[in-house]
């Protein structure tokens, strides 16, 4: 049953990553938390924006992003500009201003498309992980490390976990969809 527990942990990580990705798409209000967990690529490594810069609220739908080191400014600007998350980025001397754009029907459709694509990627990833773990326990059965009975119990448990996972992902998606359409 160790493989089932490992599978469960892997699936939880995928679900939490999905929640984190959707939390970046904040259409109702602008605040520092909207950007703090956004991933920025620097030198081939991924960093959360909060590790590279201070993000503060200036009011009237504007955030100020002040990098701890000025050399990060162009990379942060490039990443945020490519984000396609309904805000505009303006570079100042030593910081960025991020302004939330008003939501239009077109931008709502765009957000729905983005979250739908993210949901599908998560489902594909979970199927790959499921197949990987099913193959692991199948090999263990063939190598006589686990009994056939244990194989079928493990497979059944994995399928139950995936079924619950898919329901949770759908629920998370529907909640985000409602938030966007409000």
N, C-alpha and C. Protein backbone atom coordinates (compact mmCIF):
# COMPACT_ATOMS: atom_id res chain seq x y z
N UNK A 1 0.81 -1.21 0.00
CA UNK A 1 0.00 0.00 0.00
C UNK A 1 0.85 1.27 0.00
N UNK A 2 2.17 1.12 0.10
CA UNK A 2 3.05 2.29 0.05
C UNK A 2 2.88 3.05 -1.25
N UNK A 3 2.72 2.31 -2.35
CA UNK A 3 2.56 2.96 -3.66
C UNK A 3 1.27 3.77 -3.70
N UNK A 4 0.24 3.28 -3.06
CA UNK A 4 -1.03 4.02 -3.02
C UNK A 4 -0.86 5.32 -2.26
N UNK A 5 -0.14 5.28 -1.15
CA UNK A 5 0.11 6.51 -0.38
C UNK A 5 0.97 7.49 -1.18
N UNK A 6 1.97 6.97 -1.88
CA UNK A 6 2.80 7.83 -2.73
C UNK A 6 1.96 8.46 -3.84
N UNK A 7 1.06 7.65 -4.40
CA UNK A 7 0.16 8.14 -5.45
C UNK A 7 -0.73 9.27 -4.90
N UNK A 8 -1.26 9.03 -3.71
CA UNK A 8 -2.13 10.01 -3.07
C UNK A 8 -1.40 11.34 -2.88
N UNK A 9 -0.14 11.28 -2.42
CA UNK A 9 0.67 12.49 -2.23
C UNK A 9 0.91 13.20 -3.55
N UNK A 10 1.20 12.44 -4.58
CA UNK A 10 1.45 13.00 -5.91
C UNK A 10 0.20 13.72 -6.45
N UNK A 11 -0.95 13.09 -6.26
CA UNK A 11 -2.22 13.67 -6.72
C UNK A 11 -2.56 14.93 -5.91
N UNK A 12 -2.30 14.91 -4.62
CA UNK A 12 -2.53 16.10 -3.78
C UNK A 12 -1.68 17.27 -4.26
N UNK A 13 -0.45 16.97 -4.62
CA UNK A 13 0.46 18.02 -5.12
C UNK A 13 -0.09 18.62 -6.41
N UNK A 14 -0.57 17.78 -7.31
CA UNK A 14 -1.15 18.26 -8.57
C UNK A 14 -2.36 19.15 -8.28
N UNK A 15 -3.21 18.71 -7.35
CA UNK A 15 -4.40 19.49 -7.00
C UNK A 15 -4.01 20.84 -6.39
N UNK A 16 -3.03 20.84 -5.49
CA UNK A 16 -2.60 22.09 -4.86
C UNK A 16 -1.95 23.03 -5.88
N UNK A 17 -1.19 22.48 -6.82
CA UNK A 17 -0.60 23.29 -7.88
C UNK A 17 -1.71 23.93 -8.74
N UNK A 18 -2.76 23.17 -9.01
CA UNK A 18 -3.90 23.69 -9.79
C UNK A 18 -4.57 24.83 -9.05
N UNK A 19 -4.81 24.65 -7.74
CA UNK A 19 -5.41 25.72 -6.93
C UNK A 19 -4.53 26.97 -6.97
N UNK A 20 -3.24 26.76 -6.83
CA UNK A 20 -2.29 27.88 -6.85
C UNK A 20 -2.33 28.61 -8.20
N UNK A 21 -2.37 27.84 -9.28
CA UNK A 21 -2.44 28.45 -10.62
C UNK A 21 -3.72 29.28 -10.77
N UNK A 22 -4.83 28.74 -10.31
CA UNK A 22 -6.09 29.47 -10.45
C UNK A 22 -6.15 30.68 -9.53
N UNK A 23 -5.45 30.63 -8.40
CA UNK A 23 -5.46 31.78 -7.48
C UNK A 23 -4.75 32.98 -8.11
N UNK A 24 -3.88 32.73 -9.08
CA UNK A 24 -3.20 33.82 -9.79
C UNK A 24 -4.17 34.58 -10.69
N UNK A 25 -5.25 33.92 -11.06
CA UNK A 25 -6.26 34.55 -11.91
C UNK A 25 -7.31 35.14 -10.99
N UNK A 26 -7.06 36.36 -10.58
CA UNK A 26 -7.95 37.02 -9.62
C UNK A 26 -8.62 38.18 -10.34
N UNK A 27 -9.86 37.97 -10.73
CA UNK A 27 -10.56 38.97 -11.53
C UNK A 27 -11.38 39.94 -10.71
N UNK A 28 -11.65 39.61 -9.46
CA UNK A 28 -12.56 40.44 -8.68
C UNK A 28 -11.88 41.58 -7.95
N UNK A 29 -10.63 41.37 -7.51
CA UNK A 29 -9.97 42.44 -6.77
C UNK A 29 -8.46 42.33 -6.97
N UNK A 30 -7.85 43.47 -6.94
CA UNK A 30 -6.41 43.53 -7.11
C UNK A 30 -5.77 43.69 -5.74
N UNK A 31 -4.84 42.82 -5.44
CA UNK A 31 -4.10 42.91 -4.19
C UNK A 31 -2.75 42.24 -4.36
N UNK A 32 -1.82 42.49 -3.45
CA UNK A 32 -0.50 41.89 -3.57
C UNK A 32 -0.52 40.36 -3.71
N UNK A 33 -1.48 39.70 -3.06
CA UNK A 33 -1.54 38.24 -3.13
C UNK A 33 -1.81 37.74 -4.56
N UNK A 34 -2.36 38.62 -5.40
CA UNK A 34 -2.64 38.25 -6.78
C UNK A 34 -1.35 37.93 -7.53
N UNK A 35 -0.27 38.61 -7.19
CA UNK A 35 0.99 38.45 -7.92
C UNK A 35 2.09 37.74 -7.14
N UNK A 36 2.00 37.73 -5.83
CA UNK A 36 3.12 37.23 -5.02
C UNK A 36 3.55 35.82 -5.36
N UNK A 37 2.62 34.95 -5.73
CA UNK A 37 2.96 33.56 -6.03
C UNK A 37 3.13 33.30 -7.52
N UNK A 38 3.22 34.38 -8.29
CA UNK A 38 3.45 34.23 -9.71
C UNK A 38 4.90 33.80 -9.93
N UNK A 39 5.11 32.79 -10.78
CA UNK A 39 6.47 32.28 -11.01
C UNK A 39 7.20 33.10 -12.06
N UNK A 40 8.43 33.48 -11.72
CA UNK A 40 9.29 34.27 -12.60
C UNK A 40 10.51 33.41 -12.93
N UNK A 41 10.87 33.37 -14.21
CA UNK A 41 12.03 32.59 -14.65
C UNK A 41 13.27 33.49 -14.66
N UNK A 42 14.27 33.09 -13.86
CA UNK A 42 15.53 33.83 -13.82
C UNK A 42 16.66 32.82 -13.95
N UNK A 43 17.41 32.93 -15.02
CA UNK A 43 18.53 32.03 -15.23
C UNK A 43 18.13 30.57 -15.30
N UNK A 44 16.96 30.28 -15.85
CA UNK A 44 16.50 28.91 -15.98
C UNK A 44 15.87 28.34 -14.72
N UNK A 45 15.81 29.11 -13.64
CA UNK A 45 15.17 28.65 -12.40
C UNK A 45 13.90 29.46 -12.17
N UNK A 46 12.93 28.81 -11.52
CA UNK A 46 11.66 29.47 -11.23
C UNK A 46 11.65 29.99 -9.79
N UNK A 47 11.23 31.25 -9.63
CA UNK A 47 11.12 31.86 -8.31
C UNK A 47 9.75 32.50 -8.19
N UNK A 48 9.19 32.47 -6.99
CA UNK A 48 7.96 33.21 -6.75
C UNK A 48 8.32 34.70 -6.74
N UNK A 49 7.42 35.51 -7.25
CA UNK A 49 7.66 36.96 -7.30
C UNK A 49 7.99 37.51 -5.92
N UNK A 50 7.32 36.98 -4.88
CA UNK A 50 7.58 37.47 -3.52
C UNK A 50 9.00 37.19 -3.06
N UNK A 51 9.71 36.26 -3.71
CA UNK A 51 11.11 36.00 -3.38
C UNK A 51 12.03 37.02 -4.04
N UNK A 52 11.52 37.69 -5.07
CA UNK A 52 12.35 38.61 -5.86
C UNK A 52 12.01 40.07 -5.67
N UNK A 53 10.79 40.33 -5.17
CA UNK A 53 10.33 41.72 -5.11
C UNK A 53 9.30 41.91 -4.02
N UNK A 54 9.17 43.16 -3.61
CA UNK A 54 8.11 43.56 -2.69
C UNK A 54 6.92 44.01 -3.53
N UNK A 55 5.74 43.49 -3.22
CA UNK A 55 4.53 43.87 -3.96
C UNK A 55 3.62 44.60 -2.98
N UNK A 56 3.26 45.85 -3.33
CA UNK A 56 2.40 46.64 -2.45
C UNK A 56 1.25 47.26 -3.23
N UNK A 57 0.16 47.54 -2.51
CA UNK A 57 -1.04 48.11 -3.11
C UNK A 57 -0.96 49.62 -3.04
N UNK A 58 -1.10 50.30 -4.19
CA UNK A 58 -1.06 51.76 -4.23
C UNK A 58 -2.45 52.39 -4.22
N UNK A 59 -3.46 51.58 -4.48
CA UNK A 59 -4.83 52.11 -4.55
C UNK A 59 -5.28 52.24 -5.99
N UNK A 60 -6.58 52.44 -6.19
CA UNK A 60 -7.17 52.62 -7.52
C UNK A 60 -6.74 51.54 -8.51
N UNK A 61 -6.70 50.30 -8.06
CA UNK A 61 -6.39 49.18 -8.95
C UNK A 61 -4.95 49.11 -9.41
N UNK A 62 -4.02 49.66 -8.62
CA UNK A 62 -2.60 49.66 -9.02
C UNK A 62 -1.74 49.01 -7.94
N UNK A 63 -0.85 48.11 -8.38
CA UNK A 63 0.14 47.49 -7.50
C UNK A 63 1.52 48.01 -7.89
N UNK A 64 2.39 48.11 -6.89
CA UNK A 64 3.77 48.51 -7.12
C UNK A 64 4.65 47.28 -6.86
N UNK A 65 5.50 46.95 -7.83
CA UNK A 65 6.40 45.81 -7.71
C UNK A 65 7.82 46.36 -7.68
N UNK A 66 8.46 46.24 -6.50
CA UNK A 66 9.82 46.74 -6.31
C UNK A 66 10.79 45.57 -6.14
N UNK A 67 11.61 45.28 -7.16
CA UNK A 67 12.56 44.17 -7.02
C UNK A 67 13.59 44.46 -5.93
N UNK A 68 14.00 43.39 -5.23
CA UNK A 68 15.03 43.55 -4.20
C UNK A 68 16.37 43.88 -4.85
N UNK A 69 16.56 43.42 -6.09
CA UNK A 69 17.76 43.71 -6.86
C UNK A 69 17.31 44.22 -8.22
N UNK A 70 17.84 45.37 -8.66
CA UNK A 70 17.40 45.99 -9.91
C UNK A 70 17.62 45.11 -11.13
N UNK A 71 18.60 44.22 -11.10
CA UNK A 71 18.87 43.38 -12.26
C UNK A 71 17.69 42.45 -12.57
N UNK A 72 16.81 42.21 -11.58
CA UNK A 72 15.63 41.35 -11.80
C UNK A 72 14.50 42.09 -12.52
N UNK A 73 14.54 43.41 -12.52
CA UNK A 73 13.43 44.21 -13.05
C UNK A 73 13.03 43.81 -14.48
N UNK A 74 13.97 43.73 -15.44
CA UNK A 74 13.55 43.37 -16.81
C UNK A 74 12.93 41.97 -16.91
N UNK A 75 13.44 41.02 -16.13
CA UNK A 75 12.91 39.65 -16.18
C UNK A 75 11.51 39.59 -15.56
N UNK A 76 11.32 40.33 -14.49
CA UNK A 76 10.00 40.38 -13.85
C UNK A 76 9.01 41.06 -14.81
N UNK A 77 9.43 42.15 -15.40
CA UNK A 77 8.57 42.86 -16.34
C UNK A 77 8.17 41.95 -17.51
N UNK A 78 9.15 41.25 -18.07
CA UNK A 78 8.87 40.37 -19.21
C UNK A 78 7.89 39.26 -18.82
N UNK A 79 8.10 38.64 -17.66
CA UNK A 79 7.20 37.56 -17.22
C UNK A 79 5.79 38.06 -16.98
N UNK A 80 5.66 39.19 -16.30
CA UNK A 80 4.33 39.73 -16.00
C UNK A 80 3.64 40.20 -17.28
N UNK A 81 4.40 40.75 -18.21
CA UNK A 81 3.81 41.22 -19.47
C UNK A 81 3.26 40.07 -20.29
N UNK A 82 3.90 38.90 -20.21
CA UNK A 82 3.46 37.72 -20.96
C UNK A 82 2.32 36.98 -20.27
N UNK A 83 2.02 37.35 -19.03
CA UNK A 83 1.08 36.58 -18.20
C UNK A 83 -0.33 36.50 -18.78
N UNK A 84 -0.77 37.50 -19.51
CA UNK A 84 -2.11 37.49 -20.10
C UNK A 84 -3.19 37.35 -19.03
N UNK A 85 -3.02 38.12 -17.93
CA UNK A 85 -3.94 38.01 -16.80
C UNK A 85 -4.72 39.29 -16.52
N UNK A 86 -5.11 40.01 -17.54
CA UNK A 86 -5.99 41.16 -17.41
C UNK A 86 -5.39 42.33 -16.64
N UNK A 87 -4.10 42.55 -16.79
CA UNK A 87 -3.50 43.74 -16.22
C UNK A 87 -2.42 44.26 -17.16
N UNK A 88 -2.12 45.55 -16.98
CA UNK A 88 -1.05 46.16 -17.78
C UNK A 88 0.13 46.45 -16.87
N UNK A 89 1.31 46.35 -17.44
CA UNK A 89 2.54 46.55 -16.69
C UNK A 89 3.26 47.77 -17.27
N UNK A 90 3.62 48.71 -16.38
CA UNK A 90 4.35 49.90 -16.81
C UNK A 90 5.64 49.99 -15.99
N UNK A 91 6.74 50.15 -16.69
CA UNK A 91 8.04 50.21 -16.02
C UNK A 91 8.34 51.65 -15.63
N UNK A 92 8.73 51.81 -14.37
CA UNK A 92 9.21 53.09 -13.86
C UNK A 92 10.72 52.95 -13.71
N UNK A 93 11.35 53.91 -13.10
CA UNK A 93 12.81 53.90 -12.97
C UNK A 93 13.31 52.62 -12.28
N UNK A 94 12.81 52.34 -11.09
CA UNK A 94 13.32 51.21 -10.32
C UNK A 94 12.22 50.26 -9.84
N UNK A 95 11.03 50.34 -10.44
CA UNK A 95 9.92 49.47 -10.06
C UNK A 95 8.92 49.36 -11.21
N UNK A 96 7.90 48.56 -11.00
CA UNK A 96 6.83 48.40 -11.99
C UNK A 96 5.50 48.80 -11.36
N UNK A 97 4.62 49.33 -12.20
CA UNK A 97 3.23 49.56 -11.80
C UNK A 97 2.39 48.55 -12.56
N UNK A 98 1.56 47.83 -11.85
CA UNK A 98 0.67 46.85 -12.46
C UNK A 98 -0.75 47.34 -12.22
N UNK A 99 -1.48 47.57 -13.32
CA UNK A 99 -2.85 48.10 -13.24
C UNK A 99 -3.82 47.05 -13.76
N UNK A 100 -4.84 46.77 -12.94
CA UNK A 100 -5.89 45.83 -13.33
C UNK A 100 -6.80 46.48 -14.36
N UNK A 101 -7.02 45.79 -15.45
CA UNK A 101 -7.91 46.29 -16.50
C UNK A 101 -9.35 45.93 -16.15
N UNK A 102 -10.30 46.79 -16.54
CA UNK A 102 -11.70 46.44 -16.28
C UNK A 102 -12.08 45.19 -17.07
N UNK A 103 -12.95 44.37 -16.51
CA UNK A 103 -13.33 43.12 -17.15
C UNK A 103 -14.39 43.35 -18.22
N UNK A 104 -14.13 42.85 -19.41
CA UNK A 104 -15.09 42.89 -20.51
C UNK A 104 -15.58 41.47 -20.75
N UNK A 105 -16.60 41.33 -21.58
CA UNK A 105 -17.09 39.99 -21.92
C UNK A 105 -15.98 39.18 -22.61
N UNK A 106 -15.20 39.86 -23.44
CA UNK A 106 -14.10 39.18 -24.13
C UNK A 106 -13.04 38.69 -23.15
N UNK A 107 -12.70 39.53 -22.16
CA UNK A 107 -11.69 39.10 -21.19
C UNK A 107 -12.23 37.98 -20.30
N UNK A 108 -13.54 38.00 -20.01
CA UNK A 108 -14.13 36.90 -19.25
C UNK A 108 -14.02 35.59 -20.02
N UNK A 109 -14.33 35.65 -21.32
CA UNK A 109 -14.22 34.45 -22.16
C UNK A 109 -12.76 33.97 -22.20
N UNK A 110 -11.83 34.91 -22.27
CA UNK A 110 -10.42 34.57 -22.29
C UNK A 110 -10.02 33.86 -21.00
N UNK A 111 -10.47 34.39 -19.86
CA UNK A 111 -10.17 33.76 -18.57
C UNK A 111 -10.77 32.36 -18.49
N UNK A 112 -12.01 32.21 -18.96
CA UNK A 112 -12.65 30.89 -18.94
C UNK A 112 -11.86 29.90 -19.80
N UNK A 113 -11.38 30.37 -20.93
CA UNK A 113 -10.57 29.52 -21.81
C UNK A 113 -9.28 29.11 -21.10
N UNK A 114 -8.63 30.07 -20.43
CA UNK A 114 -7.37 29.79 -19.72
C UNK A 114 -7.59 28.76 -18.63
N UNK A 115 -8.63 28.94 -17.81
CA UNK A 115 -8.83 27.99 -16.70
C UNK A 115 -9.27 26.63 -17.22
N UNK A 116 -10.00 26.60 -18.32
CA UNK A 116 -10.40 25.33 -18.91
C UNK A 116 -9.17 24.57 -19.41
N UNK A 117 -8.25 25.29 -20.05
CA UNK A 117 -7.01 24.66 -20.52
C UNK A 117 -6.19 24.13 -19.35
N UNK A 118 -6.13 24.91 -18.27
CA UNK A 118 -5.38 24.47 -17.08
C UNK A 118 -6.01 23.22 -16.48
N UNK A 119 -7.34 23.18 -16.46
CA UNK A 119 -8.05 22.01 -15.93
C UNK A 119 -7.73 20.77 -16.77
N UNK A 120 -7.75 20.92 -18.09
CA UNK A 120 -7.46 19.78 -18.96
C UNK A 120 -6.02 19.29 -18.77
N UNK A 121 -5.08 20.23 -18.63
CA UNK A 121 -3.68 19.84 -18.40
C UNK A 121 -3.54 19.06 -17.10
N UNK A 122 -4.26 19.49 -16.07
CA UNK A 122 -4.22 18.81 -14.77
C UNK A 122 -4.79 17.40 -14.90
N UNK A 123 -5.87 17.25 -15.63
CA UNK A 123 -6.47 15.92 -15.81
C UNK A 123 -5.52 15.00 -16.58
N UNK A 124 -4.87 15.54 -17.61
CA UNK A 124 -3.90 14.74 -18.38
C UNK A 124 -2.74 14.33 -17.49
N UNK A 125 -2.24 15.28 -16.70
CA UNK A 125 -1.14 14.98 -15.79
C UNK A 125 -1.53 13.91 -14.78
N UNK A 126 -2.74 14.00 -14.24
CA UNK A 126 -3.20 13.01 -13.25
C UNK A 126 -3.33 11.63 -13.89
N UNK A 127 -3.77 11.57 -15.15
CA UNK A 127 -3.88 10.27 -15.84
C UNK A 127 -2.50 9.66 -16.05
N UNK A 128 -1.52 10.51 -16.39
CA UNK A 128 -0.15 10.01 -16.57
C UNK A 128 0.38 9.45 -15.26
N UNK A 129 0.15 10.17 -14.15
CA UNK A 129 0.61 9.71 -12.85
C UNK A 129 -0.11 8.42 -12.48
N UNK A 130 -1.40 8.35 -12.74
CA UNK A 130 -2.18 7.14 -12.46
C UNK A 130 -1.59 5.96 -13.22
N UNK A 131 -1.38 6.13 -14.52
CA UNK A 131 -0.83 5.05 -15.34
C UNK A 131 0.54 4.61 -14.84
N UNK A 132 1.34 5.58 -14.46
CA UNK A 132 2.69 5.28 -13.94
C UNK A 132 2.60 4.41 -12.67
N UNK A 133 1.71 4.76 -11.77
CA UNK A 133 1.57 4.00 -10.53
C UNK A 133 0.93 2.63 -10.76
N UNK A 134 -0.02 2.56 -11.68
CA UNK A 134 -0.63 1.26 -12.02
C UNK A 134 0.46 0.34 -12.59
N UNK A 135 1.31 0.88 -13.45
CA UNK A 135 2.40 0.07 -14.01
C UNK A 135 3.38 -0.38 -12.94
N UNK A 136 3.64 0.48 -11.95
CA UNK A 136 4.54 0.12 -10.85
C UNK A 136 3.99 -1.08 -10.08
N UNK A 137 2.72 -0.99 -9.72
CA UNK A 137 2.16 -2.09 -8.93
C UNK A 137 2.00 -3.35 -9.79
N UNK A 138 1.78 -3.17 -11.09
CA UNK A 138 1.69 -4.32 -12.00
C UNK A 138 3.04 -5.04 -12.05
N UNK A 139 4.12 -4.26 -12.13
CA UNK A 139 5.47 -4.86 -12.12
C UNK A 139 5.73 -5.59 -10.80
N UNK A 140 5.29 -4.96 -9.70
CA UNK A 140 5.46 -5.60 -8.39
C UNK A 140 4.71 -6.93 -8.33
N UNK A 141 3.54 -6.97 -8.94
CA UNK A 141 2.75 -8.21 -8.97
C UNK A 141 3.47 -9.26 -9.81
N UNK A 142 3.99 -8.84 -10.97
CA UNK A 142 4.70 -9.77 -11.86
C UNK A 142 5.98 -10.29 -11.22
N UNK A 143 6.62 -9.46 -10.41
CA UNK A 143 7.86 -9.86 -9.72
C UNK A 143 7.55 -10.58 -8.41
N UNK A 144 6.27 -10.82 -8.16
CA UNK A 144 5.81 -11.52 -6.96
C UNK A 144 6.14 -10.77 -5.66
N UNK A 145 6.28 -9.45 -5.76
CA UNK A 145 6.51 -8.64 -4.55
C UNK A 145 5.20 -8.35 -3.83
N UNK A 146 4.11 -8.36 -4.61
CA UNK A 146 2.78 -8.23 -4.01
C UNK A 146 1.88 -9.30 -4.62
N UNK A 147 0.85 -9.67 -3.90
CA UNK A 147 -0.08 -10.70 -4.39
C UNK A 147 -1.03 -10.09 -5.42
N UNK A 148 -1.69 -10.96 -6.15
CA UNK A 148 -2.68 -10.50 -7.13
C UNK A 148 -3.82 -9.77 -6.43
N UNK A 149 -4.18 -10.28 -5.26
CA UNK A 149 -5.24 -9.65 -4.46
C UNK A 149 -4.83 -8.23 -4.06
N UNK A 150 -3.59 -8.07 -3.63
CA UNK A 150 -3.08 -6.75 -3.24
C UNK A 150 -3.03 -5.82 -4.45
N UNK A 151 -2.68 -6.36 -5.60
CA UNK A 151 -2.65 -5.57 -6.83
C UNK A 151 -4.03 -4.98 -7.12
N UNK A 152 -5.06 -5.84 -7.05
CA UNK A 152 -6.41 -5.37 -7.38
C UNK A 152 -6.95 -4.40 -6.32
N UNK A 153 -6.60 -4.63 -5.06
CA UNK A 153 -7.00 -3.69 -4.01
C UNK A 153 -6.34 -2.33 -4.23
N UNK A 154 -5.05 -2.36 -4.56
CA UNK A 154 -4.31 -1.11 -4.79
C UNK A 154 -4.86 -0.37 -6.00
N UNK A 155 -5.12 -1.13 -7.06
CA UNK A 155 -5.65 -0.52 -8.30
C UNK A 155 -7.02 0.11 -8.02
N UNK A 156 -7.84 -0.60 -7.26
CA UNK A 156 -9.17 -0.07 -6.92
C UNK A 156 -9.03 1.21 -6.10
N UNK A 157 -8.11 1.22 -5.14
CA UNK A 157 -7.89 2.40 -4.31
C UNK A 157 -7.41 3.59 -5.16
N UNK A 158 -6.49 3.32 -6.09
CA UNK A 158 -5.98 4.36 -6.99
C UNK A 158 -7.12 4.94 -7.83
N UNK A 159 -7.98 4.05 -8.34
CA UNK A 159 -9.12 4.51 -9.14
C UNK A 159 -10.09 5.36 -8.31
N UNK A 160 -10.29 4.99 -7.04
CA UNK A 160 -11.14 5.80 -6.15
C UNK A 160 -10.52 7.17 -5.91
N UNK A 161 -9.22 7.20 -5.71
CA UNK A 161 -8.52 8.47 -5.48
C UNK A 161 -8.66 9.36 -6.71
N UNK A 162 -8.48 8.78 -7.89
CA UNK A 162 -8.62 9.55 -9.14
C UNK A 162 -10.04 10.06 -9.32
N UNK A 163 -11.02 9.25 -9.00
CA UNK A 163 -12.42 9.66 -9.12
C UNK A 163 -12.69 10.87 -8.21
N UNK A 164 -12.24 10.79 -6.95
CA UNK A 164 -12.41 11.92 -6.03
C UNK A 164 -11.62 13.13 -6.49
N UNK A 165 -10.42 12.91 -6.99
CA UNK A 165 -9.58 13.99 -7.50
C UNK A 165 -10.31 14.73 -8.62
N UNK A 166 -10.87 13.99 -9.58
CA UNK A 166 -11.57 14.61 -10.70
C UNK A 166 -12.77 15.42 -10.23
N UNK A 167 -13.48 14.92 -9.22
CA UNK A 167 -14.62 15.68 -8.67
C UNK A 167 -14.13 16.97 -8.02
N UNK A 168 -13.03 16.88 -7.26
CA UNK A 168 -12.48 18.07 -6.60
C UNK A 168 -11.99 19.10 -7.62
N UNK A 169 -11.32 18.63 -8.66
CA UNK A 169 -10.83 19.54 -9.71
C UNK A 169 -12.01 20.23 -10.39
N UNK A 170 -13.05 19.48 -10.66
CA UNK A 170 -14.24 20.05 -11.29
C UNK A 170 -14.88 21.10 -10.38
N UNK A 171 -14.93 20.82 -9.09
CA UNK A 171 -15.49 21.76 -8.11
C UNK A 171 -14.66 23.04 -8.05
N UNK A 172 -13.34 22.90 -8.00
CA UNK A 172 -12.44 24.06 -7.98
C UNK A 172 -12.64 24.89 -9.24
N UNK A 173 -12.74 24.20 -10.38
CA UNK A 173 -12.96 24.87 -11.67
C UNK A 173 -14.28 25.62 -11.68
N UNK A 174 -15.35 24.97 -11.24
CA UNK A 174 -16.68 25.62 -11.25
C UNK A 174 -16.72 26.84 -10.34
N UNK A 175 -16.05 26.77 -9.18
CA UNK A 175 -15.99 27.93 -8.29
C UNK A 175 -15.27 29.10 -8.95
N UNK A 176 -14.18 28.81 -9.64
CA UNK A 176 -13.43 29.86 -10.33
C UNK A 176 -14.26 30.42 -11.49
N UNK A 177 -14.96 29.55 -12.18
CA UNK A 177 -15.82 29.97 -13.28
C UNK A 177 -16.89 30.94 -12.77
N UNK A 178 -17.52 30.62 -11.63
CA UNK A 178 -18.54 31.50 -11.03
C UNK A 178 -17.94 32.86 -10.70
N UNK A 179 -16.72 32.83 -10.12
CA UNK A 179 -16.05 34.07 -9.75
C UNK A 179 -15.82 34.96 -10.98
N UNK A 180 -15.43 34.33 -12.08
CA UNK A 180 -15.16 35.10 -13.31
C UNK A 180 -16.45 35.67 -13.89
N UNK A 181 -17.52 34.91 -13.85
CA UNK A 181 -18.77 35.34 -14.48
C UNK A 181 -19.57 36.32 -13.64
N UNK A 182 -19.18 36.54 -12.40
CA UNK A 182 -19.91 37.48 -11.54
C UNK A 182 -19.78 38.90 -12.03
